[in-house]
């Protein structure tokens, strides 16, 4: 779904999974500084929007996801995962309940599969699941923003800012009033700086929550009764995850950023060394320079110098080995 904000001056469309919104509006670092200062807004209208309504919505969803939501108060934001029977991450949901309806935004293009799964699990519960992506656009306001929220709009507020579930017909007018619009590359650079994982980038078909630091933020360890819970409990109590997320400071002399999937090796082993992981996300940061997240084997020494493809990289621990 193509955003109307792509018609703004300087807008350059994003590609791949984020197609449909702007990658930037002509000045990447200015846009990053605007977000860091608490101004501007990010068009996330390519993200999926799913709602669950009905008297049983919280108690029912509590049985399906990794988060404790049976008593979730209205207006309190949380996040949750849906796992496979083996504990691998299948969906990531960013949630808030307005007292009558639970709202979630999810990765672009994943909402149909999510809705199909939720529909298959309804049974006798009094719930209604709906894909509202056609009607609502997600707009992100950074922490510190003083932009007003229209009456009746559901807001998901976290330490990183506010996500608005804005009626799509209001998107263009709202951006004109509360801009400047900030592109997705700026938003992603700050996400990487904050070590926040993203489904489909930091995850692959075998990722478990422990590897990404999602334990605590998206997984509640004192609840059970959800698919994959046995794996979560076993790894937490008896074992260690096979991989861990790291933050990388990249050599700034390289022209190109290492893209998603770029092999990570020990610098001491050179280009022919054994692959120990892969780059998951990378960005150019207005203060830190080129940065990245990577998923590496747990036993990689925390002080080891690494190579992301042909780019030298030093690491910071995100998930303890």
Protein backbone atom coordinates (compact mmCIF):
# COMPACT_ATOMS: atom_id res chain seq x y z
CA UNK A 1 0.00 0.00 0.00
CA UNK A 2 1.68 3.20 -1.21
CA UNK A 3 1.79 6.05 1.31
CA UNK A 4 0.58 9.51 0.23
CA UNK A 5 3.66 10.93 1.96
CA UNK A 6 5.77 9.59 -0.91
CA UNK A 7 4.53 12.63 -2.82
CA UNK A 8 6.35 14.99 -0.43
CA UNK A 9 9.40 16.88 -1.82
CA UNK A 10 12.58 14.82 -1.69
CA UNK A 11 10.87 11.54 -0.82
CA UNK A 12 12.87 8.47 -1.86
CA UNK A 13 10.90 5.21 -1.64
CA UNK A 14 12.09 2.40 0.59
CA UNK A 15 12.65 -0.99 -0.96
CA UNK A 16 12.18 -4.60 0.00
CA UNK A 17 10.16 -5.34 3.12
CA UNK A 18 9.52 -1.62 3.71
CA UNK A 19 8.22 -0.82 0.26
CA UNK A 20 5.38 1.69 0.30
CA UNK A 21 6.88 4.34 2.59
CA UNK A 22 9.81 6.73 2.30
CA UNK A 23 13.37 5.64 3.07
CA UNK A 24 14.27 9.31 3.48
CA UNK A 25 13.27 12.79 2.38
CA UNK A 26 16.64 13.98 1.12
CA UNK A 27 18.71 14.47 4.28
CA UNK A 28 19.27 11.33 6.34
CA UNK A 29 21.27 12.86 9.19
CA UNK A 30 19.01 15.89 9.55
CA UNK A 31 16.08 13.51 9.85
CA UNK A 32 17.89 11.45 12.49
CA UNK A 33 18.70 14.55 14.51
CA UNK A 34 15.06 15.62 14.33
CA UNK A 35 13.94 12.29 15.80
CA UNK A 36 16.61 12.38 18.49
CA UNK A 37 15.44 15.89 19.44
CA UNK A 38 11.82 14.73 19.74
CA UNK A 39 10.48 16.38 16.58
CA UNK A 40 8.98 15.12 13.35
CA UNK A 41 7.06 11.93 12.65
CA UNK A 42 7.79 8.62 10.98
CA UNK A 43 5.43 7.15 8.41
CA UNK A 44 5.02 3.46 9.33
CA UNK A 45 1.85 3.06 7.32
CA UNK A 46 3.26 -0.03 5.59
CA UNK A 47 2.96 -1.99 8.85
CA UNK A 48 0.07 -4.34 9.41
CA UNK A 49 -2.69 -3.44 11.87
CA UNK A 50 -4.69 -6.19 13.59
CA UNK A 51 -7.42 -5.76 16.20
CA UNK A 52 -9.03 -8.19 18.62
CA UNK A 53 -12.33 -7.24 20.22
CA UNK A 54 -14.87 -9.05 22.37
CA UNK A 55 -15.31 -9.83 26.04
CA UNK A 56 -12.74 -12.64 26.08
CA UNK A 57 -10.03 -10.90 24.04
CA UNK A 58 -7.41 -10.57 26.81
CA UNK A 59 -7.93 -13.93 28.51
CA UNK A 60 -7.97 -15.67 25.10
CA UNK A 61 -4.88 -13.93 23.73
CA UNK A 62 -3.09 -14.63 27.00
CA UNK A 63 -3.19 -18.34 26.07
CA UNK A 64 -1.57 -17.81 22.67
CA UNK A 65 1.25 -15.32 23.13
CA UNK A 66 4.41 -15.05 25.23
CA UNK A 67 3.28 -11.98 27.19
CA UNK A 68 1.05 -11.77 30.28
CA UNK A 69 -2.00 -9.83 29.04
CA UNK A 70 -4.96 -11.34 30.88
CA UNK A 71 -5.13 -8.23 33.09
CA UNK A 72 -3.55 -5.69 30.74
CA UNK A 73 -4.80 -2.23 31.78
CA UNK A 74 -6.17 0.09 29.08
CA UNK A 75 -3.52 2.33 27.57
CA UNK A 76 -0.52 0.27 28.74
CA UNK A 77 1.78 -0.72 25.89
CA UNK A 78 3.46 -4.09 25.69
CA UNK A 79 4.94 -6.41 23.10
CA UNK A 80 4.63 -10.13 22.58
CA UNK A 81 5.67 -13.02 20.37
CA UNK A 82 3.95 -16.01 18.87
CA UNK A 83 6.21 -19.04 18.78
CA UNK A 84 6.22 -22.34 16.94
CA UNK A 85 5.84 -25.58 18.85
CA UNK A 86 9.66 -25.72 18.99
CA UNK A 87 9.94 -22.21 20.43
CA UNK A 88 11.04 -20.45 17.24
CA UNK A 89 9.73 -16.91 16.70
CA UNK A 90 6.93 -16.65 14.13
CA UNK A 91 5.29 -13.27 14.88
CA UNK A 92 6.10 -10.13 16.87
CA UNK A 93 3.17 -8.00 18.06
CA UNK A 94 3.27 -4.45 19.45
CA UNK A 95 0.16 -4.15 21.59
CA UNK A 96 -2.12 -1.77 23.43
CA UNK A 97 -5.70 -2.19 24.65
CA UNK A 98 -8.14 0.74 24.64
CA UNK A 99 -10.62 -0.83 27.05
CA UNK A 100 -12.78 -2.34 24.32
CA UNK A 101 -10.36 -3.43 21.59
CA UNK A 102 -6.79 -4.68 21.60
CA UNK A 103 -4.69 -3.09 18.85
CA UNK A 104 -1.47 -4.53 17.42
CA UNK A 105 0.89 -3.45 14.72
CA UNK A 106 3.09 -6.05 13.07
CA UNK A 107 5.71 -6.39 10.35
CA UNK A 108 4.56 -5.45 6.83
CA UNK A 109 2.90 -8.33 5.06
CA UNK A 110 2.63 -10.61 8.12
CA UNK A 111 -0.87 -9.56 9.17
CA UNK A 112 -2.73 -12.00 6.92
CA UNK A 113 -0.88 -15.03 8.28
CA UNK A 114 -1.32 -13.75 11.84
CA UNK A 115 -5.06 -13.25 11.40
CA UNK A 116 -5.41 -16.71 9.88
CA UNK A 117 -3.66 -18.27 12.87
CA UNK A 118 -5.74 -16.32 15.39
CA UNK A 119 -8.96 -17.24 13.58
CA UNK A 120 -8.01 -20.91 13.77
CA UNK A 121 -7.69 -20.65 17.56
CA UNK A 122 -10.98 -18.89 18.37
CA UNK A 123 -13.02 -21.99 19.26
CA UNK A 124 -15.82 -20.95 21.64
CA UNK A 125 -14.22 -17.70 22.86
CA UNK A 126 -16.08 -14.42 22.46
CA UNK A 127 -13.55 -12.66 20.25
CA UNK A 128 -13.48 -10.98 16.85
CA UNK A 129 -10.21 -10.73 14.94
CA UNK A 130 -9.82 -8.20 12.12
CA UNK A 131 -7.16 -7.04 9.69
CA UNK A 132 -7.49 -3.24 9.85
CA UNK A 133 -4.47 -2.40 7.70
CA UNK A 134 -6.59 -0.90 4.92
CA UNK A 135 -8.26 1.50 7.36
CA UNK A 136 -5.48 2.50 9.77
CA UNK A 137 -1.91 3.72 9.36
CA UNK A 138 0.77 3.53 12.04
CA UNK A 139 2.54 6.84 12.68
CA UNK A 140 5.47 7.12 15.10
CA UNK A 141 6.11 10.23 17.19
CA UNK A 142 9.51 10.24 18.95
CA UNK A 143 9.92 10.54 22.71
CA UNK A 144 9.56 14.18 23.72
CA UNK A 145 7.27 15.08 20.84
CA UNK A 146 4.58 17.60 21.72
CA UNK A 147 2.46 16.81 18.66
CA UNK A 148 -1.23 16.56 19.50
CA UNK A 149 -3.15 13.32 19.01
CA UNK A 150 -6.57 13.58 17.35
CA UNK A 151 -9.56 12.65 19.47
CA UNK A 152 -10.44 8.97 19.34
CA UNK A 153 -7.06 7.81 18.03
CA UNK A 154 -5.53 4.87 19.90
CA UNK A 155 -1.98 5.52 21.09
CA UNK A 156 0.71 3.04 22.08
CA UNK A 157 3.24 4.89 24.25
CA UNK A 158 6.67 3.52 25.20
CA UNK A 159 10.04 4.90 26.29
CA UNK A 160 10.90 5.32 22.59
CA UNK A 161 7.86 7.41 21.67
CA UNK A 162 4.23 7.05 20.67
CA UNK A 163 2.73 4.89 17.94
CA UNK A 164 -0.58 6.22 16.65
CA UNK A 165 -3.20 4.04 14.96
CA UNK A 166 -4.37 6.85 12.70
CA UNK A 167 -7.24 6.57 10.21
CA UNK A 168 -5.58 6.43 6.79
CA UNK A 169 -7.61 9.29 5.40
CA UNK A 170 -6.05 11.56 8.07
CA UNK A 171 -2.41 10.64 7.37
CA UNK A 172 -1.55 13.34 4.85
CA UNK A 173 -3.19 16.17 6.79
CA UNK A 174 -1.67 15.03 10.09
CA UNK A 175 1.83 14.92 8.59
CA UNK A 176 1.39 18.40 7.14
CA UNK A 177 0.43 19.73 10.57
CA UNK A 178 2.92 17.84 12.75
CA UNK A 179 5.92 17.20 10.46
CA UNK A 180 8.57 17.26 9.27
CA UNK A 181 8.21 13.73 7.94
CA UNK A 182 11.19 11.54 8.76
CA UNK A 183 12.18 8.55 6.65
CA UNK A 184 12.51 4.94 7.71
CA UNK A 185 16.32 4.92 7.45
CA UNK A 186 16.52 7.45 10.29
CA UNK A 187 14.06 5.45 12.39
CA UNK A 188 16.03 2.25 11.74
CA UNK A 189 19.33 3.89 12.71
CA UNK A 190 17.92 4.80 16.11
CA UNK A 191 16.37 1.32 16.49
CA UNK A 192 19.75 -0.29 15.88
CA UNK A 193 21.41 2.13 18.33
CA UNK A 194 18.83 1.07 20.93
CA UNK A 195 19.52 -2.65 20.26
CA UNK A 196 15.86 -3.35 19.48
CA UNK A 197 15.36 -6.50 17.38
CA UNK A 198 13.03 -6.65 14.42
CA UNK A 199 11.23 -9.72 13.12
CA UNK A 200 12.58 -10.86 9.76
CA UNK A 201 15.85 -8.98 10.18
CA UNK A 202 17.22 -10.12 13.53
CA UNK A 203 15.31 -13.41 13.21
CA UNK A 204 15.54 -16.41 10.94
CA UNK A 205 13.63 -19.72 10.89
CA UNK A 206 15.33 -20.99 14.07
CA UNK A 207 15.61 -17.90 16.27
CA UNK A 208 14.45 -18.25 19.87
CA UNK A 209 13.63 -15.23 22.10
CA UNK A 210 16.66 -15.65 24.39
CA UNK A 211 19.06 -14.94 21.52
CA UNK A 212 17.72 -11.43 20.93
CA UNK A 213 17.10 -10.16 24.45
CA UNK A 214 13.34 -10.46 24.04
CA UNK A 215 13.12 -12.24 27.40
CA UNK A 216 11.52 -9.75 29.79
CA UNK A 217 10.29 -7.26 27.19
CA UNK A 218 8.22 -9.63 25.06
CA UNK A 219 8.31 -12.89 27.05
CA UNK A 220 6.87 -13.25 30.54
CA UNK A 221 8.71 -16.02 32.34
CA UNK A 222 6.08 -16.62 35.00
CA UNK A 223 3.27 -17.64 32.69
CA UNK A 224 2.73 -20.80 30.71
CA UNK A 225 0.00 -22.15 28.48
CA UNK A 226 1.32 -20.94 25.14
CA UNK A 227 2.85 -22.76 22.20
CA UNK A 228 6.65 -23.00 22.53
CA UNK A 229 6.63 -22.32 26.28
CA UNK A 230 8.49 -25.57 27.01
CA UNK A 231 11.48 -24.44 24.96
CA UNK A 232 11.51 -21.01 26.62
CA UNK A 233 11.47 -22.56 30.11
CA UNK A 234 14.05 -25.22 29.30
CA UNK A 235 16.59 -22.80 27.83
CA UNK A 236 16.04 -20.30 30.63
CA UNK A 237 16.38 -22.84 33.45
CA UNK A 238 18.75 -25.48 32.13
CA UNK A 239 20.65 -24.27 29.12
CA UNK A 240 22.01 -21.38 27.12
CA UNK A 241 20.86 -20.06 23.73
CA UNK A 242 23.09 -21.12 20.84
CA UNK A 243 23.47 -17.56 19.50
CA UNK A 244 23.48 -14.02 20.84
CA UNK A 245 22.72 -10.57 19.47
CA UNK A 246 25.64 -8.11 19.34
CA UNK A 247 25.96 -4.44 18.44
CA UNK A 248 28.73 -3.60 16.00
CA UNK A 249 30.74 -0.43 15.46
CA UNK A 250 31.81 -0.65 11.83
CA UNK A 251 34.93 0.72 10.16
CA UNK A 252 33.89 4.12 8.85
CA UNK A 253 36.32 4.10 5.93
CA UNK A 254 34.22 1.59 3.99
CA UNK A 255 31.87 3.07 1.39
CA UNK A 256 29.22 0.34 1.53
CA UNK A 257 27.40 -0.96 4.58
CA UNK A 258 27.34 -4.74 5.07
CA UNK A 259 23.79 -5.81 4.26
CA UNK A 260 21.48 -8.27 5.92
CA UNK A 261 23.00 -11.75 5.83
CA UNK A 262 26.63 -10.62 5.45
CA UNK A 263 28.87 -13.24 7.10
CA UNK A 264 30.58 -12.35 10.38
CA UNK A 265 34.01 -13.89 11.14
CA UNK A 266 36.86 -13.37 13.57
CA UNK A 267 39.19 -10.67 12.25
CA UNK A 268 42.16 -12.81 13.23
CA UNK A 269 40.99 -15.58 10.88
CA UNK A 270 40.69 -13.34 7.83
CA UNK A 271 38.27 -13.62 4.93
CA UNK A 272 38.68 -17.40 4.73
CA UNK A 273 37.83 -17.94 8.39
CA UNK A 274 34.82 -19.87 9.64
CA UNK A 275 31.52 -17.97 9.59
CA UNK A 276 30.37 -17.29 13.16
CA UNK A 277 27.19 -15.37 12.43
CA UNK A 278 25.64 -12.80 10.15
CA UNK A 279 24.72 -9.13 10.02
CA UNK A 280 21.04 -8.61 10.67
CA UNK A 281 20.63 -4.80 10.28
CA UNK A 282 22.99 -1.93 9.49
CA UNK A 283 22.74 1.86 9.28
CA UNK A 284 24.66 5.12 9.18
CA UNK A 285 24.15 6.94 12.46
CA UNK A 286 24.44 10.71 12.76
CA UNK A 287 26.77 10.45 15.78
CA UNK A 288 28.09 6.89 15.92
CA UNK A 289 28.88 6.47 12.23
CA UNK A 290 28.22 3.09 10.57
CA UNK A 291 26.65 0.61 13.00
CA UNK A 292 24.98 -2.78 12.82
CA UNK A 293 23.36 -5.58 14.74
CA UNK A 294 24.52 -9.15 14.20
CA UNK A 295 23.61 -12.61 15.43
CA UNK A 296 26.71 -14.63 16.35
CA UNK A 297 27.49 -17.93 18.03
CA UNK A 298 27.27 -17.73 21.81
CA UNK A 299 30.90 -18.76 22.34
CA UNK A 300 32.38 -15.91 20.27
CA UNK A 301 34.61 -14.03 22.78
CA UNK A 302 32.97 -10.76 23.81
CA UNK A 303 36.20 -8.83 23.23
CA UNK A 304 37.03 -10.35 19.86
CA UNK A 305 37.53 -8.10 16.86
CA UNK A 306 35.24 -9.17 14.05
CA UNK A 307 34.85 -8.79 10.30
CA UNK A 308 31.42 -8.15 8.78
CA UNK A 309 32.17 -9.20 5.23
CA UNK A 310 35.17 -7.04 4.37
CA UNK A 311 34.42 -4.45 7.07
CA UNK A 312 36.24 -4.43 10.40
CA UNK A 313 33.91 -4.35 13.40
CA UNK A 314 34.18 -4.07 17.15
CA UNK A 315 31.37 -5.49 19.25
CA UNK A 316 29.30 -4.47 22.24
CA UNK A 317 27.40 -7.09 24.23
CA UNK A 318 23.63 -6.99 23.86
CA UNK A 319 22.81 -10.52 25.05
CA UNK A 320 25.19 -11.96 27.63
CA UNK A 321 26.86 -15.20 26.55
